[in-house]
Amino acid sequence: MSLMQCTYRDHTIAADVLQHEGGPMPWAGGCRITTPEGRTTRRLPLPVGYALMAELEQAQHASIAHGKWLVDQCLDHGKSLFSEAA
């Protein structure tokens, strides 16, 4: 489910939140990032301790924030957005 997106430092970040029914925290946050060249990442989940949330909007905002952090890590610290095996 992807309802929220933004452009940050020329990258498009889309929230990719999954629903897990039956629990008190049914929303699993994650994002997909598209580079200025048009390459898109796989779904990048939030860290395990922060991945599940009670509200969809909360999960979407956290997913976008995580995507911005990942873009910063890529541009400022040289960390790849893509796995080496891809």
Protein backbone atom coordinates (compact mmCIF):
# COMPACT_ATOMS: atom_id res chain seq x y z
CA MET A 1 0.00 0.00 0.00
CA SER A 2 1.57 3.27 -1.07
CA LEU A 3 -0.45 6.40 -0.43
CA MET A 4 2.17 8.97 0.47
CA GLN A 5 5.25 10.12 -1.43
CA CYS A 6 7.60 13.07 -1.62
CA THR A 7 10.60 14.34 -3.54
CA TYR A 8 13.73 14.82 -1.46
CA ARG A 9 17.13 15.80 -2.85
CA ASP A 10 15.93 14.84 -6.36
CA HIS A 11 14.88 11.34 -5.19
CA THR A 12 11.25 10.22 -5.06
CA ILE A 13 10.38 8.46 -1.81
CA ALA A 14 7.15 6.47 -1.63
CA ALA A 15 5.78 4.96 1.56
CA ASP A 16 5.29 1.22 1.08
CA VAL A 17 3.28 0.20 4.14
CA LEU A 18 2.01 -3.35 4.53
CA GLN A 19 -1.01 -4.40 6.57
CA HIS A 20 -0.73 -7.33 8.97
CA GLU A 21 -4.21 -8.07 10.29
CA GLY A 22 -4.96 -9.48 13.70
CA GLY A 23 -2.45 -7.61 15.83
CA PRO A 24 -2.55 -4.42 17.88
CA MET A 25 0.01 -2.86 15.53
CA PRO A 26 -1.12 -3.87 12.05
CA TRP A 27 0.98 -1.53 9.88
CA ALA A 28 4.54 -2.40 8.83
CA GLY A 29 6.44 0.62 7.57
CA GLY A 30 8.78 0.65 4.60
CA CYS A 31 9.62 2.70 1.54
CA ARG A 32 10.78 2.56 -2.06
CA ILE A 33 13.20 5.15 -3.40
CA THR A 34 13.54 6.18 -7.04
CA THR A 35 16.80 7.86 -8.01
CA PRO A 36 16.99 10.81 -10.42
CA GLU A 37 18.13 8.29 -13.09
CA GLY A 38 14.90 6.31 -12.68
CA ARG A 39 16.24 3.30 -10.78
CA THR A 40 13.91 2.10 -7.99
CA THR A 41 14.91 0.18 -4.88
CA ARG A 42 13.22 -2.91 -3.53
CA ARG A 43 10.97 -2.29 -0.52
CA LEU A 44 13.21 -1.01 2.27
CA PRO A 45 11.57 -1.84 5.63
CA LEU A 46 11.98 0.22 8.76
CA PRO A 47 14.33 -1.25 11.39
CA VAL A 48 12.69 -4.15 13.26
CA GLY A 49 12.17 -2.27 16.53
CA TYR A 50 10.30 0.52 14.74
CA ALA A 51 8.60 -1.29 11.86
CA LEU A 52 5.15 -1.98 13.31
CA MET A 53 2.70 0.81 14.11
CA ALA A 54 -0.90 1.13 15.21
CA GLU A 55 -1.99 3.77 12.67
CA LEU A 56 -1.57 3.90 8.89
CA GLU A 57 -0.72 7.61 8.75
CA GLN A 58 1.92 7.18 11.47
CA ALA A 59 3.50 4.32 9.51
CA GLN A 60 3.49 6.36 6.29
CA HIS A 61 5.16 9.38 7.91
CA ALA A 62 7.79 7.17 9.56
CA SER A 63 8.41 5.44 6.22
CA ILE A 64 8.97 8.75 4.43
CA ALA A 65 11.31 9.93 7.21
CA HIS A 66 13.27 6.68 6.97
CA GLY A 67 13.54 7.13 3.19
CA LYS A 68 14.92 10.66 3.65
CA TRP A 69 17.49 9.30 6.09
CA LEU A 70 18.50 6.61 3.58
CA VAL A 71 18.90 9.23 0.82
CA ASP A 72 21.07 11.32 3.16
CA GLN A 73 23.19 8.25 3.95
CA CYS A 74 23.61 7.61 0.23
CA LEU A 75 24.46 11.16 -0.83
CA ASP A 76 26.43 12.30 2.23
CA HIS A 77 28.14 9.08 3.31
CA GLY A 78 28.38 7.00 0.12
CA LYS A 79 26.13 4.15 1.29
CA SER A 80 24.34 2.36 -1.52
CA LEU A 81 20.55 2.26 -1.75
CA PHE A 82 20.82 -1.00 -3.69
CA SER A 83 22.08 -4.38 -2.53
CA GLU A 84 25.30 -5.50 -4.15
CA ALA A 85 23.63 -8.67 -5.48
CA ALA A 86 21.08 -6.70 -7.51
